[in-house]
Amino acid sequence: MAKTNTTELLEAFAAEIGENVYIDIAKWHLYLSDAKLHTLVAEQLYPLITSDKTVDEDAVTKVLESIKVKIGGGRRELSLIDLLPLQCQVSLVDIVEKYQRGM
């Protein structure tokens, strides 16, 4: 049963990230769900919401820096942090904090 709850929590977490966080390229907004990155981001951030430590912006930033996004048909890779506007980073921290409070 705990596994189901964890799976459901992770899916809800990923969905909220995918609907609220986007990549900004030349003022075009590509939401993480459309870019198929929301699940990866949720999986990488999940340990933060299950941790006893208070989530802070630095921890979220480190995770975003570690996620590489291929661009140009895979010719280059950029850290996800470089593609997110500051507003989305703040929204993401808020989402992580919300889910951690709910744990």
PDB file of N, CA and C in Angstrom:
ATOM      1  N   MET A   1       0.808  -1.197   0.000  1.00  0.00           N
ATOM      2  CA  MET A   1       0.000   0.000   0.000  1.00  0.00           C
ATOM      3  C   MET A   1       0.853   1.264   0.000  1.00  0.00           C
ATOM      4  N   ALA A   2       1.946   1.244   0.738  1.00  0.00           N
ATOM      5  CA  ALA A   2       2.817   2.411   0.784  1.00  0.00           C
ATOM      6  C   ALA A   2       3.386   2.716  -0.593  1.00  0.00           C
ATOM      7  N   LYS A   3       3.681   1.665  -1.354  1.00  0.00           N
ATOM      8  CA  LYS A   3       4.217   1.872  -2.691  1.00  0.00           C
ATOM      9  C   LYS A   3       3.200   2.593  -3.570  1.00  0.00           C
ATOM     10  N   THR A   4       1.937   2.215  -3.461  1.00  0.00           N
ATOM     11  CA  THR A   4       0.889   2.875  -4.228  1.00  0.00           C
ATOM     12  C   THR A   4       0.807   4.345  -3.839  1.00  0.00           C
ATOM     13  N   ASN A   5       0.842   4.621  -2.546  1.00  0.00           N
ATOM     14  CA  ASN A   5       0.792   6.006  -2.092  1.00  0.00           C
ATOM     15  C   ASN A   5       1.997   6.789  -2.602  1.00  0.00           C
ATOM     16  N   THR A   6       3.170   6.185  -2.583  1.00  0.00           N
ATOM     17  CA  THR A   6       4.370   6.835  -3.088  1.00  0.00           C
ATOM     18  C   THR A   6       4.242   7.092  -4.578  1.00  0.00           C
ATOM     19  N   THR A   7       3.744   6.108  -5.312  1.00  0.00           N
ATOM     20  CA  THR A   7       3.570   6.261  -6.747  1.00  0.00           C
ATOM     21  C   THR A   7       2.569   7.365  -7.055  1.00  0.00           C
ATOM     22  N   GLU A   8       1.462   7.363  -6.338  1.00  0.00           N
ATOM     23  CA  GLU A   8       0.439   8.393  -6.540  1.00  0.00           C
ATOM     24  C   GLU A   8       0.981   9.771  -6.196  1.00  0.00           C
ATOM     25  N   LEU A   9       1.732   9.862  -5.115  1.00  0.00           N
ATOM     26  CA  LEU A   9       2.317  11.137  -4.712  1.00  0.00           C
ATOM     27  C   LEU A   9       3.286  11.630  -5.778  1.00  0.00           C
ATOM     28  N   LEU A  10       4.131  10.740  -6.268  1.00  0.00           N
ATOM     29  CA  LEU A  10       5.106  11.112  -7.292  1.00  0.00           C
ATOM     30  C   LEU A  10       4.411  11.560  -8.576  1.00  0.00           C
ATOM     31  N   GLU A  11       3.341  10.872  -8.948  1.00  0.00           N
ATOM     32  CA  GLU A  11       2.598  11.250 -10.156  1.00  0.00           C
ATOM     33  C   GLU A  11       1.932  12.615  -9.993  1.00  0.00           C
ATOM     34  N   ALA A  12       1.356  12.870  -8.830  1.00  0.00           N
ATOM     35  CA  ALA A  12       0.724  14.168  -8.575  1.00  0.00           C
ATOM     36  C   ALA A  12       1.767  15.276  -8.543  1.00  0.00           C
ATOM     37  N   PHE A  13       2.901  14.991  -7.923  1.00  0.00           N
ATOM     38  CA  PHE A  13       4.019  15.932  -7.847  1.00  0.00           C
ATOM     39  C   PHE A  13       4.508  16.263  -9.255  1.00  0.00           C
ATOM     40  N   ALA A  14       4.709  15.245 -10.074  1.00  0.00           N
ATOM     41  CA  ALA A  14       5.161  15.437 -11.456  1.00  0.00           C
ATOM     42  C   ALA A  14       4.140  16.237 -12.259  1.00  0.00           C
ATOM     43  N   ALA A  15       2.870  15.935 -12.067  1.00  0.00           N
ATOM     44  CA  ALA A  15       1.819  16.645 -12.810  1.00  0.00           C
ATOM     45  C   ALA A  15       1.808  18.128 -12.455  1.00  0.00           C
ATOM     46  N   GLU A  16       1.937  18.430 -11.177  1.00  0.00           N
ATOM     47  CA  GLU A  16       1.930  19.843 -10.773  1.00  0.00           C
ATOM     48  C   GLU A  16       3.151  20.573 -11.316  1.00  0.00           C
ATOM     49  N   ILE A  17       4.296  19.918 -11.294  1.00  0.00           N
ATOM     50  CA  ILE A  17       5.499  20.515 -11.874  1.00  0.00           C
ATOM     51  C   ILE A  17       5.283  20.758 -13.373  1.00  0.00           C
ATOM     52  N   GLY A  18       4.781  19.747 -14.057  1.00  0.00           N
ATOM     53  CA  GLY A  18       4.587  19.837 -15.504  1.00  0.00           C
ATOM     54  C   GLY A  18       3.623  20.922 -15.935  1.00  0.00           C
ATOM     55  N   GLU A  19       2.637  21.214 -15.091  1.00  0.00           N
ATOM     56  CA  GLU A  19       1.632  22.223 -15.423  1.00  0.00           C
ATOM     57  C   GLU A  19       2.052  23.643 -15.062  1.00  0.00           C
ATOM     58  N   ASN A  20       3.043  23.786 -14.181  1.00  0.00           N
ATOM     59  CA  ASN A  20       3.389  25.113 -13.669  1.00  0.00           C
ATOM     60  C   ASN A  20       4.792  25.601 -13.998  1.00  0.00           C
ATOM     61  N   VAL A  21       5.651  24.724 -14.451  1.00  0.00           N
ATOM     62  CA  VAL A  21       7.043  25.095 -14.704  1.00  0.00           C
ATOM     63  C   VAL A  21       7.322  24.918 -16.190  1.00  0.00           C
ATOM     64  N   TYR A  22       7.975  25.915 -16.767  1.00  0.00           N
ATOM     65  CA  TYR A  22       8.255  25.859 -18.198  1.00  0.00           C
ATOM     66  C   TYR A  22       9.677  26.303 -18.518  1.00  0.00           C
ATOM     67  N   ILE A  23      10.106  25.865 -19.682  1.00  0.00           N
ATOM     68  CA  ILE A  23      11.365  26.304 -20.274  1.00  0.00           C
ATOM     69  C   ILE A  23      11.035  27.540 -21.106  1.00  0.00           C
ATOM     70  N   ASP A  24      11.859  28.547 -21.031  1.00  0.00           N
ATOM     71  CA  ASP A  24      11.642  29.772 -21.807  1.00  0.00           C
ATOM     72  C   ASP A  24      12.750  29.890 -22.844  1.00  0.00           C
ATOM     73  N   ILE A  25      12.363  29.800 -24.112  1.00  0.00           N
ATOM     74  CA  ILE A  25      13.324  29.946 -25.202  1.00  0.00           C
ATOM     75  C   ILE A  25      12.759  30.986 -26.157  1.00  0.00           C
ATOM     76  N   ALA A  26      13.453  32.103 -26.275  1.00  0.00           N
ATOM     77  CA  ALA A  26      13.038  33.194 -27.155  1.00  0.00           C
ATOM     78  C   ALA A  26      11.582  33.588 -26.881  1.00  0.00           C
ATOM     79  N   LYS A  27      11.237  33.668 -25.598  1.00  0.00           N
ATOM     80  CA  LYS A  27       9.905  34.035 -25.117  1.00  0.00           C
ATOM     81  C   LYS A  27       8.823  33.010 -25.464  1.00  0.00           C
ATOM     82  N   TRP A  28       9.227  31.822 -25.876  1.00  0.00           N
ATOM     83  CA  TRP A  28       8.299  30.713 -26.065  1.00  0.00           C
ATOM     84  C   TRP A  28       8.331  29.889 -24.798  1.00  0.00           C
ATOM     85  N   HIS A  29       7.167  29.513 -24.300  1.00  0.00           N
ATOM     86  CA  HIS A  29       7.080  28.735 -23.069  1.00  0.00           C
ATOM     87  C   HIS A  29       6.746  27.292 -23.406  1.00  0.00           C
ATOM     88  N   LEU A  30       7.658  26.410 -23.069  1.00  0.00           N
ATOM     89  CA  LEU A  30       7.451  24.974 -23.244  1.00  0.00           C
ATOM     90  C   LEU A  30       7.350  24.366 -21.853  1.00  0.00           C
ATOM     91  N   TYR A  31       6.132  24.006 -21.474  1.00  0.00           N
ATOM     92  CA  TYR A  31       5.921  23.445 -20.144  1.00  0.00           C
ATOM     93  C   TYR A  31       6.619  22.090 -20.028  1.00  0.00           C
ATOM     94  N   LEU A  32       7.102  21.794 -18.830  1.00  0.00           N
ATOM     95  CA  LEU A  32       7.873  20.570 -18.631  1.00  0.00           C
ATOM     96  C   LEU A  32       7.072  19.325 -18.961  1.00  0.00           C
ATOM     97  N   SER A  33       5.754  19.366 -18.819  1.00  0.00           N
ATOM     98  CA  SER A  33       4.952  18.201 -19.205  1.00  0.00           C
ATOM     99  C   SER A  33       5.011  18.003 -20.722  1.00  0.00           C
ATOM    100  N   ASP A  34       4.968  19.092 -21.481  1.00  0.00           N
ATOM    101  CA  ASP A  34       5.064  18.997 -22.942  1.00  0.00           C
ATOM    102  C   ASP A  34       6.450  18.563 -23.393  1.00  0.00           C
ATOM    103  N   ALA A  35       7.460  18.954 -22.638  1.00  0.00           N
ATOM    104  CA  ALA A  35       8.841  18.582 -22.956  1.00  0.00           C
ATOM    105  C   ALA A  35       9.195  17.191 -22.430  1.00  0.00           C
ATOM    106  N   LYS A  36       8.242  16.544 -21.765  1.00  0.00           N
ATOM    107  CA  LYS A  36       8.434  15.208 -21.181  1.00  0.00           C
ATOM    108  C   LYS A  36       9.565  15.197 -20.153  1.00  0.00           C
ATOM    109  N   LEU A  37       9.677  16.288 -19.407  1.00  0.00           N
ATOM    110  CA  LEU A  37      10.709  16.400 -18.371  1.00  0.00           C
ATOM    111  C   LEU A  37      10.124  16.407 -16.961  1.00  0.00           C
ATOM    112  N   HIS A  38       8.813  16.530 -16.838  1.00  0.00           N
ATOM    113  CA  HIS A  38       8.199  16.678 -15.522  1.00  0.00           C
ATOM    114  C   HIS A  38       8.419  15.471 -14.617  1.00  0.00           C
ATOM    115  N   THR A  39       8.362  14.274 -15.171  1.00  0.00           N
ATOM    116  CA  THR A  39       8.565  13.074 -14.347  1.00  0.00           C
ATOM    117  C   THR A  39      10.007  12.973 -13.879  1.00  0.00           C
ATOM    118  N   LEU A  40      10.937  13.247 -14.774  1.00  0.00           N
ATOM    119  CA  LEU A  40      12.359  13.222 -14.409  1.00  0.00           C
ATOM    120  C   LEU A  40      12.644  14.229 -13.298  1.00  0.00           C
ATOM    121  N   VAL A  41      12.132  15.431 -13.447  1.00  0.00           N
ATOM    122  CA  VAL A  41      12.351  16.468 -12.435  1.00  0.00           C
ATOM    123  C   VAL A  41      11.735  16.035 -11.102  1.00  0.00           C
ATOM    124  N   ALA A  42      10.518  15.506 -11.145  1.00  0.00           N
ATOM    125  CA  ALA A  42       9.862  15.054  -9.911  1.00  0.00           C
ATOM    126  C   ALA A  42      10.661  13.946  -9.236  1.00  0.00           C
ATOM    127  N   GLU A  43      11.152  12.997 -10.026  1.00  0.00           N
ATOM    128  CA  GLU A  43      11.941  11.896  -9.452  1.00  0.00           C
ATOM    129  C   GLU A  43      13.224  12.406  -8.808  1.00  0.00           C
ATOM    130  N   GLN A  44      13.847  13.394  -9.431  1.00  0.00           N
ATOM    131  CA  GLN A  44      15.089  13.942  -8.887  1.00  0.00           C
ATOM    132  C   GLN A  44      14.843  14.787  -7.635  1.00  0.00           C
ATOM    133  N   LEU A  45      13.683  15.447  -7.578  1.00  0.00           N
ATOM    134  CA  LEU A  45      13.360  16.291  -6.423  1.00  0.00           C
ATOM    135  C   LEU A  45      12.686  15.526  -5.286  1.00  0.00           C
ATOM    136  N   TYR A  46      12.188  14.350  -5.573  1.00  0.00           N
ATOM    137  CA  TYR A  46      11.454  13.569  -4.580  1.00  0.00           C
ATOM    138  C   TYR A  46      12.219  13.382  -3.261  1.00  0.00           C
ATOM    139  N   PRO A  47      13.528  13.085  -3.300  1.00  0.00           N
ATOM    140  CA  PRO A  47      14.246  12.946  -2.026  1.00  0.00           C
ATOM    141  C   PRO A  47      14.202  14.210  -1.162  1.00  0.00           C
ATOM    142  N   LEU A  48      14.054  15.367  -1.780  1.00  0.00           N
ATOM    143  CA  LEU A  48      13.969  16.604  -1.005  1.00  0.00           C
ATOM    144  C   LEU A  48      12.658  16.683  -0.231  1.00  0.00           C
ATOM    145  N   ILE A  49      11.575  16.206  -0.834  1.00  0.00           N
ATOM    146  CA  ILE A  49      10.292  16.317  -0.131  1.00  0.00           C
ATOM    147  C   ILE A  49      10.140  15.254   0.948  1.00  0.00           C
ATOM    148  N   THR A  50      10.908  14.182   0.851  1.00  0.00           N
ATOM    149  CA  THR A  50      10.833  13.140   1.872  1.00  0.00           C
ATOM    150  C   THR A  50      11.883  13.327   2.964  1.00  0.00           C
ATOM    151  N   SER A  51      12.729  14.325   2.798  1.00  0.00           N
ATOM    152  CA  SER A  51      13.789  14.601   3.760  1.00  0.00           C
ATOM    153  C   SER A  51      13.229  15.333   4.981  1.00  0.00           C
ATOM    154  N   ASP A  52      13.901  15.177   6.099  1.00  0.00           N
ATOM    155  CA  ASP A  52      13.528  15.902   7.316  1.00  0.00           C
ATOM    156  C   ASP A  52      14.012  17.340   7.285  1.00  0.00           C
ATOM    157  N   LYS A  53      14.963  17.632   6.402  1.00  0.00           N
ATOM    158  CA  LYS A  53      15.503  18.981   6.283  1.00  0.00           C
ATOM    159  C   LYS A  53      14.509  19.890   5.570  1.00  0.00           C
ATOM    160  N   THR A  54      14.525  21.144   5.934  1.00  0.00           N
ATOM    161  CA  THR A  54      13.689  22.122   5.258  1.00  0.00           C
ATOM    162  C   THR A  54      14.240  22.354   3.854  1.00  0.00           C
ATOM    163  N   VAL A  55      13.362  22.340   2.880  1.00  0.00           N
ATOM    164  CA  VAL A  55      13.762  22.564   1.493  1.00  0.00           C
ATOM    165  C   VAL A  55      14.184  24.012   1.329  1.00  0.00           C
ATOM    166  N   ASP A  56      15.295  24.217   0.644  1.00  0.00           N
ATOM    167  CA  ASP A  56      15.705  25.577   0.342  1.00  0.00           C
ATOM    168  C   ASP A  56      16.009  25.698  -1.152  1.00  0.00           C
ATOM    169  N   GLU A  57      16.107  26.906  -1.591  1.00  0.00           N
ATOM    170  CA  GLU A  57      16.316  27.186  -3.009  1.00  0.00           C
ATOM    171  C   GLU A  57      17.620  26.578  -3.517  1.00  0.00           C
ATOM    172  N   ASP A  58      18.650  26.574  -2.690  1.00  0.00           N
ATOM    173  CA  ASP A  58      19.943  26.025  -3.107  1.00  0.00           C
ATOM    174  C   ASP A  58      19.845  24.536  -3.439  1.00  0.00           C
ATOM    175  N   ALA A  59      19.101  23.801  -2.646  1.00  0.00           N
ATOM    176  CA  ALA A  59      18.960  22.356  -2.894  1.00  0.00           C
ATOM    177  C   ALA A  59      18.228  22.110  -4.206  1.00  0.00           C
ATOM    178  N   VAL A  60      17.178  22.876  -4.455  1.00  0.00           N
ATOM    179  CA  VAL A  60      16.431  22.735  -5.712  1.00  0.00           C
ATOM    180  C   VAL A  60      17.326  23.135  -6.882  1.00  0.00           C
ATOM    181  N   THR A  61      18.074  24.204  -6.727  1.00  0.00           N
ATOM    182  CA  THR A  61      18.981  24.665  -7.784  1.00  0.00           C
ATOM    183  C   THR A  61      20.012  23.599  -8.130  1.00  0.00           C
ATOM    184  N   LYS A  62      20.569  22.939  -7.132  1.00  0.00           N
ATOM    185  CA  LYS A  62      21.551  21.882  -7.390  1.00  0.00           C
ATOM    186  C   LYS A  62      20.956  20.754  -8.207  1.00  0.00           C
ATOM    187  N   VAL A  63      19.730  20.386  -7.896  1.00  0.00           N
ATOM    188  CA  VAL A  63      19.064  19.330  -8.663  1.00  0.00           C
ATOM    189  C   VAL A  63      18.862  19.793 -10.102  1.00  0.00           C
ATOM    190  N   LEU A  64      18.392  21.028 -10.283  1.00  0.00           N
ATOM    191  CA  LEU A  64      18.159  21.543 -11.630  1.00  0.00           C
ATOM    192  C   LEU A  64      19.459  21.649 -12.434  1.00  0.00           C
ATOM    193  N   GLU A  65      20.542  21.971 -11.757  1.00  0.00           N
ATOM    194  CA  GLU A  65      21.845  22.025 -12.438  1.00  0.00           C
ATOM    195  C   GLU A  65      22.294  20.641 -12.895  1.00  0.00           C
ATOM    196  N   SER A  66      21.904  19.614 -12.163  1.00  0.00           N
ATOM    197  CA  SER A  66      22.345  18.258 -12.490  1.00  0.00           C
ATOM    198  C   SER A  66      21.551  17.626 -13.638  1.00  0.00           C
ATOM    199  N   ILE A  67      20.391  18.185 -13.950  1.00  0.00           N
ATOM    200  CA  ILE A  67      19.562  17.639 -15.025  1.00  0.00           C
ATOM    201  C   ILE A  67      19.990  18.278 -16.342  1.00  0.00           C
ATOM    202  N   LYS A  68      20.454  17.467 -17.250  1.00  0.00           N
ATOM    203  CA  LYS A  68      20.931  17.945 -18.549  1.00  0.00           C
ATOM    204  C   LYS A  68      19.843  17.764 -19.600  1.00  0.00           C
ATOM    205  N   VAL A  69      19.656  18.801 -20.410  1.00  0.00           N
ATOM    206  CA  VAL A  69      18.648  18.783 -21.471  1.00  0.00           C
ATOM    207  C   VAL A  69      19.381  18.876 -22.803  1.00  0.00           C
ATOM    208  N   LYS A  70      19.132  17.907 -23.666  1.00  0.00           N
ATOM    209  CA  LYS A  70      19.758  17.914 -24.985  1.00  0.00           C
ATOM    210  C   LYS A  70      19.029  18.893 -25.887  1.00  0.00           C
ATOM    211  N   ILE A  71      19.807  19.695 -26.602  1.00  0.00           N
ATOM    212  CA  ILE A  71      19.238  20.643 -27.559  1.00  0.00           C
ATOM    213  C   ILE A  71      19.941  20.473 -28.896  1.00  0.00           C
ATOM    214  N   GLY A  72      19.317  20.980 -29.926  1.00  0.00           N
ATOM    215  CA  GLY A  72      19.925  20.895 -31.257  1.00  0.00           C
ATOM    216  C   GLY A  72      20.109  19.467 -31.720  1.00  0.00           C
ATOM    217  N   GLY A  73      19.119  18.635 -31.462  1.00  0.00           N
ATOM    218  CA  GLY A  73      19.220  17.242 -31.880  1.00  0.00           C
ATOM    219  C   GLY A  73      20.276  16.472 -31.111  1.00  0.00           C
ATOM    220  N   GLY A  74      20.611  16.950 -29.928  1.00  0.00           N
ATOM    221  CA  GLY A  74      21.583  16.261 -29.086  1.00  0.00           C
ATOM    222  C   GLY A  74      23.018  16.752 -29.275  1.00  0.00           C
ATOM    223  N   ARG A  75      23.184  17.779 -30.096  1.00  0.00           N
ATOM    224  CA  ARG A  75      24.543  18.288 -30.316  1.00  0.00           C
ATOM    225  C   ARG A  75      25.097  18.988 -29.090  1.00  0.00           C
ATOM    226  N   ARG A  76      24.211  19.510 -28.259  1.00  0.00           N
ATOM    227  CA  ARG A  76      24.632  20.185 -27.025  1.00  0.00           C
ATOM    228  C   ARG A  76      23.713  19.789 -25.888  1.00  0.00           C
ATOM    229  N   GLU A  77      24.205  20.003 -24.692  1.00  0.00           N
ATOM    230  CA  GLU A  77      23.411  19.789 -23.493  1.00  0.00           C
ATOM    231  C   GLU A  77      23.530  21.025 -22.610  1.00  0.00           C
ATOM    232  N   LEU A  78      22.403  21.425 -22.055  1.00  0.00           N
ATOM    233  CA  LEU A  78      22.375  22.530 -21.104  1.00  0.00           C
ATOM    234  C   LEU A  78      21.738  22.031 -19.817  1.00  0.00           C
ATOM    235  N   SER A  79      22.154  22.617 -18.720  1.00  0.00           N
ATOM    236  CA  SER A  79      21.491  22.318 -17.452  1.00  0.00           C
ATOM    237  C   SER A  79      20.096  22.906 -17.490  1.00  0.00           C
ATOM    238  N   LEU A  80      19.157  22.204 -16.909  1.00  0.00           N
ATOM    239  CA  LEU A  80      17.780  22.678 -16.891  1.00  0.00           C
ATOM    240  C   LEU A  80      17.680  24.053 -16.245  1.00  0.00           C
ATOM    241  N   ILE A  81      18.501  24.318 -15.261  1.00  0.00           N
ATOM    242  CA  ILE A  81      18.475  25.613 -14.574  1.00  0.00           C
ATOM    243  C   ILE A  81      18.696  26.762 -15.552  1.00  0.00           C
ATOM    244  N   ASP A  82      19.469  26.513 -16.613  1.00  0.00           N
ATOM    245  CA  ASP A  82      19.764  27.559 -17.593  1.00  0.00           C
ATOM    246  C   ASP A  82      18.586  27.853 -18.517  1.00  0.00           C
ATOM    247  N   LEU A  83      17.599  26.994 -18.520  1.00  0.00           N
ATOM    248  CA  LEU A  83      16.449  27.152 -19.414  1.00  0.00           C
ATOM    249  C   LEU A  83      15.198  27.661 -18.703  1.00  0.00           C
ATOM    250  N   LEU A  84      15.230  27.671 -17.383  1.00  0.00           N
ATOM    251  CA  LEU A  84      14.058  28.100 -16.612  1.00  0.00           C
ATOM    252  C   LEU A  84      14.175  29.565 -16.216  1.00  0.00           C
ATOM    253  N   PRO A  85      13.120  30.346 -16.430  1.00  0.00           N
ATOM    254  CA  PRO A  85      13.137  31.714 -15.911  1.00  0.00           C
ATOM    255  C   PRO A  85      13.069  31.697 -14.385  1.00  0.00           C
ATOM    256  N   LEU A  86      13.500  32.774 -13.782  1.00  0.00           N
ATOM    257  CA  LEU A  86      13.537  32.859 -12.321  1.00  0.00           C
ATOM    258  C   LEU A  86      12.159  32.614 -11.712  1.00  0.00           C
ATOM    259  N   GLN A  87      11.118  33.121 -12.334  1.00  0.00           N
ATOM    260  CA  GLN A  87       9.759  32.926 -11.829  1.00  0.00           C
ATOM    261  C   GLN A  87       9.428  31.436 -11.714  1.00  0.00           C
ATOM    262  N   CYS A  88       9.856  30.642 -12.682  1.00  0.00           N
ATOM    263  CA  CYS A  88       9.583  29.201 -12.643  1.00  0.00           C
ATOM    264  C   CYS A  88      10.408  28.508 -11.569  1.00  0.00           C
ATOM    265  N   GLN A  89      11.612  28.977 -11.341  1.00  0.00           N
ATOM    266  CA  GLN A  89      12.428  28.413 -10.274  1.00  0.00           C
ATOM    267  C   GLN A  89      11.756  28.653  -8.924  1.00  0.00           C
ATOM    268  N   VAL A  90      11.236  29.855  -8.738  1.00  0.00           N
ATOM    269  CA  VAL A  90      10.542  30.189  -7.493  1.00  0.00           C
ATOM    270  C   VAL A  90       9.285  29.330  -7.354  1.00  0.00           C
ATOM    271  N   SER A  91       8.536  29.181  -8.447  1.00  0.00           N
ATOM    272  CA  SER A  91       7.333  28.344  -8.421  1.00  0.00           C
ATOM    273  C   SER A  91       7.685  26.904  -8.069  1.00  0.00           C
ATOM    274  N   LEU A  92       8.776  26.418  -8.616  1.00  0.00           N
ATOM    275  CA  LEU A  92       9.198  25.047  -8.344  1.00  0.00           C
ATOM    276  C   LEU A  92       9.561  24.866  -6.875  1.00  0.00           C
ATOM    277  N   VAL A  93      10.269  25.812  -6.303  1.00  0.00           N
ATOM    278  CA  VAL A  93      10.601  25.745  -4.869  1.00  0.00           C
ATOM    279  C   VAL A  93       9.315  25.739  -4.044  1.00  0.00           C
ATOM    280  N   ASP A  94       8.350  26.563  -4.441  1.00  0.00           N
ATOM    281  CA  ASP A  94       7.066  26.600  -3.728  1.00  0.00           C
ATOM    282  C   ASP A  94       6.344  25.252  -3.802  1.00  0.00           C
ATOM    283  N   ILE A  95       6.378  24.620  -4.972  1.00  0.00           N
ATOM    284  CA  ILE A  95       5.738  23.316  -5.141  1.00  0.00           C
ATOM    285  C   ILE A  95       6.416  22.267  -4.260  1.00  0.00           C
ATOM    286  N   VAL A  96       7.742  22.275  -4.259  1.00  0.00           N
ATOM    287  CA  VAL A  96       8.497  21.318  -3.442  1.00  0.00           C
ATOM    288  C   VAL A  96       8.165  21.522  -1.962  1.00  0.00           C
ATOM    289  N   GLU A  97       8.141  22.768  -1.523  1.00  0.00           N
ATOM    290  CA  GLU A  97       7.820  23.067  -0.128  1.00  0.00           C
ATOM    291  C   GLU A  97       6.405  22.602   0.217  1.00  0.00           C
ATOM    292  N   LYS A  98       5.456  22.825  -0.682  1.00  0.00           N
ATOM    293  CA  LYS A  98       4.070  22.413  -0.463  1.00  0.00           C
ATOM    294  C   LYS A  98       3.984  20.890  -0.269  1.00  0.00           C
ATOM    295  N   TYR A  99       4.672  20.142  -1.132  1.00  0.00           N
ATOM    296  CA  TYR A  99       4.623  18.701  -1.025  1.00  0.00           C
ATOM    297  C   TYR A  99       5.362  18.209   0.220  1.00  0.00           C
ATOM    298  N   GLN A 100       6.428  18.887   0.598  1.00  0.00           N
ATOM    299  CA  GLN A 100       7.132  18.468   1.805  1.00  0.00           C
ATOM    300  C   GLN A 100       6.255  18.686   3.037  1.00  0.00           C
ATOM    301  N   ARG A 101       5.529  19.796   3.080  1.00  0.00           N
ATOM    302  CA  ARG A 101       4.621  20.044   4.206  1.00  0.00           C
ATOM    303  C   ARG A 101       3.527  18.983   4.277  1.00  0.00           C
ATOM    304  N   GLY A 102       3.137  18.460   3.127  1.00  0.00           N
ATOM    305  CA  GLY A 102       2.088  17.453   3.091  1.00  0.00           C
ATOM    306  C   GLY A 102       2.538  16.055   3.462  1.00  0.00           C
ATOM    307  N   MET A 103       3.826  15.866   3.618  1.00  0.00           N
ATOM    308  CA  MET A 103       4.373  14.532   3.959  1.00  0.00           C
ATOM    309  C   MET A 103       4.138  14.197   5.409  1.00  0.00           C
TER     310      MET A 103
END
